[in-house]
Amino acid sequence: MTRSEFDDIRAHIAADEGDSDELLLIARTLLDDLEQARLREATLQARYLELLTAARATMASDAVGDPNPLTFLRHALGRRGQMPSADEDVMRILSDARTAAALIAHLTEVPPPRPRPSARMSRCVGPSRRLAR
């Protein structure tokens, strides 16, 4: 939703005040929550783009033989206070990166198709199941 759509909805809610004030209060609260979620999403997208740009610039800098190719990434991480500071942080970060890579690889796997139950199988399951005598 755009900012003007939020404003239009707020104006509509304000015009309808009267006998259902509690419902309008809930609508205002939900609209505020939705607007905050959109703001957080936009902020996260901007931060992601900043990190992606820094990572790409780092790789391009390394490709042309720059003596200090990590400058872009150091700057982006440093501005957010995300630079590792101790050996413990480094080992934890490397472990987290390996775990994230494994999880992402697992997410991209296509699960095998589930077998369809056969006619015989459907007769043998469920609450009305009868055993052969």
N, C-alpha and C. Protein backbone atom coordinates (compact mmCIF):
# COMPACT_ATOMS: atom_id res chain seq x y z
N MET A 1 0.85 -1.18 0.00
CA MET A 1 0.00 0.00 0.00
C MET A 1 0.88 1.23 0.00
N THR A 2 0.42 2.24 -0.70
CA THR A 2 1.16 3.49 -0.72
C THR A 2 0.74 4.35 0.46
N ARG A 3 1.52 5.38 0.70
CA ARG A 3 1.24 6.29 1.82
C ARG A 3 -0.14 6.94 1.62
N SER A 4 -0.48 7.31 0.39
CA SER A 4 -1.78 7.95 0.15
C SER A 4 -2.94 6.98 0.40
N GLU A 5 -2.74 5.69 0.14
CA GLU A 5 -3.78 4.71 0.44
C GLU A 5 -4.01 4.60 1.95
N PHE A 6 -2.92 4.63 2.72
CA PHE A 6 -3.07 4.63 4.18
C PHE A 6 -3.84 5.87 4.62
N ASP A 7 -3.50 7.02 4.04
CA ASP A 7 -4.19 8.26 4.41
C ASP A 7 -5.67 8.22 4.03
N ASP A 8 -5.98 7.65 2.87
CA ASP A 8 -7.38 7.52 2.44
C ASP A 8 -8.17 6.64 3.40
N ILE A 9 -7.58 5.53 3.82
CA ILE A 9 -8.26 4.63 4.76
C ILE A 9 -8.48 5.33 6.09
N ARG A 10 -7.46 6.06 6.56
CA ARG A 10 -7.60 6.80 7.82
C ARG A 10 -8.72 7.83 7.72
N ALA A 11 -8.81 8.52 6.59
CA ALA A 11 -9.87 9.53 6.41
C ALA A 11 -11.23 8.86 6.40
N HIS A 12 -11.33 7.70 5.78
CA HIS A 12 -12.59 6.97 5.73
C HIS A 12 -13.00 6.52 7.14
N ILE A 13 -12.03 6.03 7.91
CA ILE A 13 -12.32 5.60 9.28
C ILE A 13 -12.77 6.79 10.11
N ALA A 14 -12.11 7.93 9.97
CA ALA A 14 -12.46 9.12 10.74
C ALA A 14 -13.86 9.60 10.40
N ALA A 15 -14.28 9.45 9.14
CA ALA A 15 -15.60 9.90 8.71
C ALA A 15 -16.71 9.00 9.26
N ASP A 16 -16.39 7.74 9.58
CA ASP A 16 -17.39 6.78 10.03
C ASP A 16 -17.54 6.70 11.55
N GLU A 17 -16.90 7.59 12.30
CA GLU A 17 -17.00 7.51 13.76
C GLU A 17 -18.44 7.69 14.20
N GLY A 18 -18.78 6.99 15.26
CA GLY A 18 -20.16 7.08 15.75
C GLY A 18 -20.48 5.93 16.65
N ASP A 19 -21.44 5.11 16.23
CA ASP A 19 -21.93 4.05 17.11
C ASP A 19 -21.00 2.85 17.21
N SER A 20 -20.03 2.70 16.34
CA SER A 20 -19.12 1.55 16.39
C SER A 20 -17.69 2.01 16.66
N ASP A 21 -17.51 2.80 17.72
CA ASP A 21 -16.19 3.36 18.04
C ASP A 21 -15.16 2.28 18.34
N GLU A 22 -15.58 1.21 19.01
CA GLU A 22 -14.63 0.15 19.35
C GLU A 22 -14.09 -0.52 18.09
N LEU A 23 -14.94 -0.77 17.13
CA LEU A 23 -14.52 -1.37 15.87
C LEU A 23 -13.59 -0.44 15.10
N LEU A 24 -13.89 0.85 15.13
CA LEU A 24 -13.03 1.81 14.45
C LEU A 24 -11.66 1.90 15.13
N LEU A 25 -11.63 1.77 16.44
CA LEU A 25 -10.36 1.78 17.16
C LEU A 25 -9.52 0.57 16.75
N ILE A 26 -10.16 -0.58 16.61
CA ILE A 26 -9.45 -1.78 16.16
C ILE A 26 -8.93 -1.58 14.74
N ALA A 27 -9.75 -0.99 13.88
CA ALA A 27 -9.33 -0.74 12.49
C ALA A 27 -8.13 0.21 12.46
N ARG A 28 -8.16 1.25 13.28
CA ARG A 28 -7.02 2.18 13.34
C ARG A 28 -5.76 1.46 13.82
N THR A 29 -5.89 0.62 14.83
CA THR A 29 -4.75 -0.11 15.36
C THR A 29 -4.17 -1.05 14.31
N LEU A 30 -5.04 -1.76 13.60
CA LEU A 30 -4.58 -2.66 12.55
C LEU A 30 -3.89 -1.90 11.42
N LEU A 31 -4.44 -0.75 11.07
CA LEU A 31 -3.84 0.07 10.02
C LEU A 31 -2.47 0.58 10.45
N ASP A 32 -2.35 1.01 11.70
CA ASP A 32 -1.05 1.44 12.22
C ASP A 32 -0.04 0.30 12.19
N ASP A 33 -0.49 -0.90 12.60
CA ASP A 33 0.40 -2.06 12.59
C ASP A 33 0.85 -2.40 11.17
N LEU A 34 -0.08 -2.32 10.23
CA LEU A 34 0.25 -2.60 8.84
C LEU A 34 1.25 -1.58 8.29
N GLU A 35 1.04 -0.33 8.63
CA GLU A 35 1.95 0.71 8.17
C GLU A 35 3.35 0.52 8.77
N GLN A 36 3.42 0.14 10.05
CA GLN A 36 4.71 -0.12 10.68
C GLN A 36 5.41 -1.32 10.04
N ALA A 37 4.64 -2.35 9.70
CA ALA A 37 5.22 -3.53 9.04
C ALA A 37 5.78 -3.15 7.67
N ARG A 38 5.06 -2.31 6.94
CA ARG A 38 5.55 -1.86 5.62
C ARG A 38 6.82 -1.04 5.77
N LEU A 39 6.89 -0.21 6.80
CA LEU A 39 8.09 0.59 7.04
C LEU A 39 9.28 -0.32 7.39
N ARG A 40 9.04 -1.33 8.24
CA ARG A 40 10.11 -2.27 8.58
C ARG A 40 10.57 -3.04 7.34
N GLU A 41 9.62 -3.44 6.50
CA GLU A 41 9.97 -4.16 5.27
C GLU A 41 10.82 -3.29 4.36
N ALA A 42 10.45 -2.03 4.19
CA ALA A 42 11.22 -1.12 3.35
C ALA A 42 12.62 -0.90 3.92
N THR A 43 12.72 -0.80 5.24
CA THR A 43 14.03 -0.63 5.88
C THR A 43 14.90 -1.86 5.66
N LEU A 44 14.32 -3.04 5.84
CA LEU A 44 15.08 -4.27 5.63
C LEU A 44 15.53 -4.41 4.18
N GLN A 45 14.66 -4.04 3.24
CA GLN A 45 15.04 -4.11 1.83
C GLN A 45 16.19 -3.15 1.52
N ALA A 46 16.15 -1.96 2.11
CA ALA A 46 17.23 -0.99 1.89
C ALA A 46 18.54 -1.51 2.47
N ARG A 47 18.49 -2.11 3.66
CA ARG A 47 19.71 -2.65 4.28
C ARG A 47 20.25 -3.83 3.47
N TYR A 48 19.35 -4.68 2.98
CA TYR A 48 19.76 -5.80 2.15
C TYR A 48 20.45 -5.29 0.89
N LEU A 49 19.86 -4.28 0.25
CA LEU A 49 20.44 -3.72 -0.96
C LEU A 49 21.82 -3.12 -0.67
N GLU A 50 21.96 -2.46 0.48
CA GLU A 50 23.26 -1.89 0.85
C GLU A 50 24.30 -3.00 1.00
N LEU A 51 23.95 -4.09 1.69
CA LEU A 51 24.90 -5.19 1.86
C LEU A 51 25.21 -5.90 0.55
N LEU A 52 24.18 -6.08 -0.27
CA LEU A 52 24.39 -6.72 -1.57
C LEU A 52 25.31 -5.87 -2.44
N THR A 53 25.09 -4.57 -2.44
CA THR A 53 25.94 -3.67 -3.22
C THR A 53 27.38 -3.70 -2.71
N ALA A 54 27.55 -3.71 -1.38
CA ALA A 54 28.90 -3.78 -0.81
C ALA A 54 29.57 -5.10 -1.15
N ALA A 55 28.82 -6.20 -1.11
CA ALA A 55 29.39 -7.50 -1.45
C ALA A 55 29.80 -7.55 -2.92
N ARG A 56 28.95 -7.02 -3.79
CA ARG A 56 29.27 -7.01 -5.23
C ARG A 56 30.49 -6.13 -5.51
N ALA A 57 30.55 -4.97 -4.85
CA ALA A 57 31.70 -4.08 -5.03
C ALA A 57 32.97 -4.73 -4.51
N THR A 58 32.87 -5.46 -3.42
CA THR A 58 34.02 -6.18 -2.87
C THR A 58 34.53 -7.21 -3.88
N MET A 59 33.62 -7.97 -4.47
CA MET A 59 34.02 -8.99 -5.44
C MET A 59 34.60 -8.34 -6.70
N ALA A 60 34.01 -7.25 -7.16
CA ALA A 60 34.53 -6.55 -8.34
C ALA A 60 35.91 -5.98 -8.05
N SER A 61 36.08 -5.44 -6.85
CA SER A 61 37.37 -4.89 -6.45
C SER A 61 38.43 -5.98 -6.41
N ASP A 62 38.07 -7.14 -5.91
CA ASP A 62 38.99 -8.27 -5.87
C ASP A 62 39.33 -8.74 -7.28
N ALA A 63 38.34 -8.72 -8.17
CA ALA A 63 38.54 -9.18 -9.54
C ALA A 63 39.54 -8.31 -10.30
N VAL A 64 39.59 -7.03 -9.99
CA VAL A 64 40.53 -6.14 -10.70
C VAL A 64 41.87 -6.03 -9.97
N GLY A 65 42.02 -6.80 -8.88
CA GLY A 65 43.30 -6.84 -8.19
C GLY A 65 43.54 -5.71 -7.21
N ASP A 66 42.51 -5.10 -6.71
CA ASP A 66 42.65 -4.03 -5.71
C ASP A 66 43.38 -4.61 -4.49
N PRO A 67 44.37 -3.89 -3.95
CA PRO A 67 45.10 -4.43 -2.80
C PRO A 67 44.25 -4.54 -1.52
N ASN A 68 43.15 -3.82 -1.43
CA ASN A 68 42.29 -3.89 -0.25
C ASN A 68 40.83 -4.03 -0.69
N PRO A 69 40.46 -5.21 -1.20
CA PRO A 69 39.11 -5.36 -1.77
C PRO A 69 37.98 -5.36 -0.74
N LEU A 70 38.27 -5.56 0.53
CA LEU A 70 37.22 -5.64 1.54
C LEU A 70 36.75 -4.27 2.03
N THR A 71 37.28 -3.20 1.49
CA THR A 71 36.93 -1.86 1.95
C THR A 71 35.42 -1.62 1.95
N PHE A 72 34.76 -1.97 0.88
CA PHE A 72 33.32 -1.71 0.76
C PHE A 72 32.53 -2.48 1.82
N LEU A 73 32.87 -3.74 1.98
CA LEU A 73 32.16 -4.57 2.96
C LEU A 73 32.46 -4.14 4.39
N ARG A 74 33.72 -3.81 4.66
CA ARG A 74 34.07 -3.32 6.01
C ARG A 74 33.29 -2.05 6.33
N HIS A 75 33.19 -1.16 5.37
CA HIS A 75 32.46 0.09 5.59
C HIS A 75 30.98 -0.18 5.88
N ALA A 76 30.35 -1.04 5.07
CA ALA A 76 28.92 -1.33 5.25
C ALA A 76 28.66 -2.01 6.59
N LEU A 77 29.48 -2.96 6.97
CA LEU A 77 29.30 -3.65 8.24
C LEU A 77 29.65 -2.75 9.42
N GLY A 78 30.68 -1.96 9.27
CA GLY A 78 31.09 -1.06 10.34
C GLY A 78 30.04 -0.01 10.67
N ARG A 79 29.35 0.49 9.66
CA ARG A 79 28.29 1.49 9.89
C ARG A 79 27.16 0.92 10.73
N ARG A 80 26.95 -0.37 10.67
CA ARG A 80 25.87 -1.02 11.43
C ARG A 80 26.38 -1.68 12.71
N GLY A 81 27.68 -1.54 12.99
CA GLY A 81 28.24 -2.17 14.19
C GLY A 81 28.27 -3.68 14.10
N GLN A 82 28.46 -4.23 12.91
CA GLN A 82 28.40 -5.68 12.70
C GLN A 82 29.77 -6.32 12.45
N MET A 83 30.85 -5.58 12.62
CA MET A 83 32.17 -6.16 12.43
C MET A 83 32.50 -7.08 13.60
N PRO A 84 33.00 -8.29 13.33
CA PRO A 84 33.39 -9.18 14.43
C PRO A 84 34.53 -8.54 15.23
N SER A 85 34.47 -8.73 16.56
CA SER A 85 35.45 -8.05 17.39
C SER A 85 36.42 -9.00 18.10
N ALA A 86 36.05 -10.22 18.30
CA ALA A 86 36.92 -11.16 19.02
C ALA A 86 36.92 -12.51 18.32
N ASP A 87 37.87 -13.36 18.71
CA ASP A 87 37.96 -14.69 18.10
C ASP A 87 36.68 -15.49 18.30
N GLU A 88 36.06 -15.32 19.47
CA GLU A 88 34.81 -16.02 19.75
C GLU A 88 33.73 -15.62 18.74
N ASP A 89 33.64 -14.33 18.47
CA ASP A 89 32.67 -13.84 17.49
C ASP A 89 32.95 -14.43 16.12
N VAL A 90 34.23 -14.48 15.75
CA VAL A 90 34.60 -14.99 14.43
C VAL A 90 34.16 -16.45 14.28
N MET A 91 34.44 -17.27 15.28
CA MET A 91 34.08 -18.69 15.19
C MET A 91 32.56 -18.87 15.17
N ARG A 92 31.84 -18.09 15.96
CA ARG A 92 30.38 -18.18 15.97
C ARG A 92 29.80 -17.75 14.62
N ILE A 93 30.36 -16.68 14.06
CA ILE A 93 29.88 -16.18 12.77
C ILE A 93 30.13 -17.20 11.67
N LEU A 94 31.32 -17.81 11.67
CA LEU A 94 31.61 -18.83 10.66
C LEU A 94 30.69 -20.03 10.81
N SER A 95 30.41 -20.42 12.04
CA SER A 95 29.48 -21.53 12.28
C SER A 95 28.09 -21.17 11.80
N ASP A 96 27.64 -19.96 12.10
CA ASP A 96 26.33 -19.50 11.65
C ASP A 96 26.25 -19.48 10.12
N ALA A 97 27.34 -19.06 9.48
CA ALA A 97 27.36 -19.00 8.01
C ALA A 97 27.25 -20.40 7.41
N ARG A 98 27.97 -21.37 8.00
CA ARG A 98 27.88 -22.75 7.50
C ARG A 98 26.46 -23.30 7.68
N THR A 99 25.88 -23.02 8.84
CA THR A 99 24.51 -23.49 9.10
C THR A 99 23.52 -22.86 8.13
N ALA A 100 23.65 -21.56 7.91
CA ALA A 100 22.75 -20.86 6.98
C ALA A 100 22.90 -21.42 5.56
N ALA A 101 24.13 -21.68 5.14
CA ALA A 101 24.34 -22.24 3.80
C ALA A 101 23.69 -23.61 3.69
N ALA A 102 23.82 -24.43 4.73
CA ALA A 102 23.20 -25.76 4.71
C ALA A 102 21.68 -25.65 4.68
N LEU A 103 21.12 -24.73 5.46
CA LEU A 103 19.67 -24.55 5.46
C LEU A 103 19.16 -24.07 4.11
N ILE A 104 19.87 -23.14 3.50
CA ILE A 104 19.46 -22.63 2.19
C ILE A 104 19.54 -23.73 1.15
N ALA A 105 20.60 -24.54 1.21
CA ALA A 105 20.71 -25.66 0.27
C ALA A 105 19.56 -26.63 0.46
N HIS A 106 19.18 -26.85 1.70
CA HIS A 106 18.07 -27.77 1.98
C HIS A 106 16.74 -27.20 1.46
N LEU A 107 16.57 -25.89 1.57
CA LEU A 107 15.33 -25.26 1.10
C LEU A 107 15.17 -25.35 -0.41
N THR A 108 16.28 -25.37 -1.13
CA THR A 108 16.19 -25.41 -2.59
C THR A 108 15.99 -26.82 -3.13
N GLU A 109 16.13 -27.83 -2.27
CA GLU A 109 15.89 -29.20 -2.70
C GLU A 109 14.40 -29.40 -2.98
N VAL A 110 14.12 -30.12 -4.03
CA VAL A 110 12.73 -30.44 -4.36
C VAL A 110 12.37 -31.74 -3.64
N PRO A 111 11.33 -31.71 -2.81
CA PRO A 111 10.98 -32.94 -2.10
C PRO A 111 10.48 -33.99 -3.08
N PRO A 112 10.77 -35.27 -2.79
CA PRO A 112 10.29 -36.33 -3.69
C PRO A 112 8.77 -36.39 -3.65
N PRO A 113 8.17 -36.76 -4.76
CA PRO A 113 6.71 -36.84 -4.76
C PRO A 113 6.22 -37.90 -3.79
N ARG A 114 5.12 -37.60 -3.16
CA ARG A 114 4.54 -38.56 -2.20
C ARG A 114 3.83 -39.65 -2.97
N PRO A 115 4.01 -40.89 -2.57
CA PRO A 115 3.34 -41.99 -3.28
C PRO A 115 1.82 -41.90 -3.07
N ARG A 116 1.11 -42.20 -4.11
CA ARG A 116 -0.35 -42.22 -4.01
C ARG A 116 -0.77 -43.52 -3.34
N PRO A 117 -1.75 -43.45 -2.48
CA PRO A 117 -2.20 -44.68 -1.84
C PRO A 117 -2.86 -45.60 -2.87
N SER A 118 -2.54 -46.86 -2.77
CA SER A 118 -3.14 -47.82 -3.69
C SER A 118 -4.53 -48.20 -3.17
N ALA A 119 -5.29 -48.88 -4.00
CA ALA A 119 -6.63 -49.31 -3.60
C ALA A 119 -6.55 -50.23 -2.39
N ARG A 120 -5.54 -51.09 -2.38
CA ARG A 120 -5.39 -52.02 -1.26
C ARG A 120 -5.07 -51.25 0.01
N MET A 121 -4.23 -50.24 -0.12
CA MET A 121 -3.83 -49.46 1.04
C MET A 121 -5.03 -48.73 1.63
N SER A 122 -5.90 -48.19 0.80
CA SER A 122 -7.03 -47.44 1.33
C SER A 122 -8.01 -48.34 2.08
N ARG A 123 -8.04 -49.64 1.77
CA ARG A 123 -8.91 -50.55 2.50
C ARG A 123 -8.33 -50.94 3.85
N CYS A 124 -7.02 -50.76 4.04
CA CYS A 124 -6.37 -51.24 5.26
C CYS A 124 -6.16 -50.15 6.30
N VAL A 125 -6.59 -48.97 6.04
CA VAL A 125 -6.34 -47.89 7.00
C VAL A 125 -7.65 -47.25 7.42
N GLY A 126 -7.61 -46.57 8.53
CA GLY A 126 -8.78 -45.84 8.98
C GLY A 126 -9.50 -46.55 10.09
N PRO A 127 -10.51 -45.92 10.65
CA PRO A 127 -11.21 -46.49 11.79
C PRO A 127 -12.05 -47.72 11.45
N SER A 128 -12.44 -47.88 10.18
CA SER A 128 -13.27 -49.03 9.81
C SER A 128 -12.44 -50.19 9.30
N ARG A 129 -11.20 -50.23 9.65
CA ARG A 129 -10.29 -51.26 9.18
C ARG A 129 -10.70 -52.64 9.74
N ARG A 130 -10.72 -53.63 8.86
CA ARG A 130 -11.04 -55.00 9.27
C ARG A 130 -9.85 -55.89 9.01
N LEU A 131 -9.61 -56.75 9.92
CA LEU A 131 -8.51 -57.70 9.74
C LEU A 131 -9.02 -58.95 9.02
N ALA A 132 -8.17 -59.54 8.21
CA ALA A 132 -8.54 -60.76 7.48
C ALA A 132 -8.62 -61.92 8.48
N ARG A 133 -9.56 -62.80 8.27
CA ARG A 133 -9.73 -63.94 9.18
C ARG A 133 -9.28 -65.20 8.53
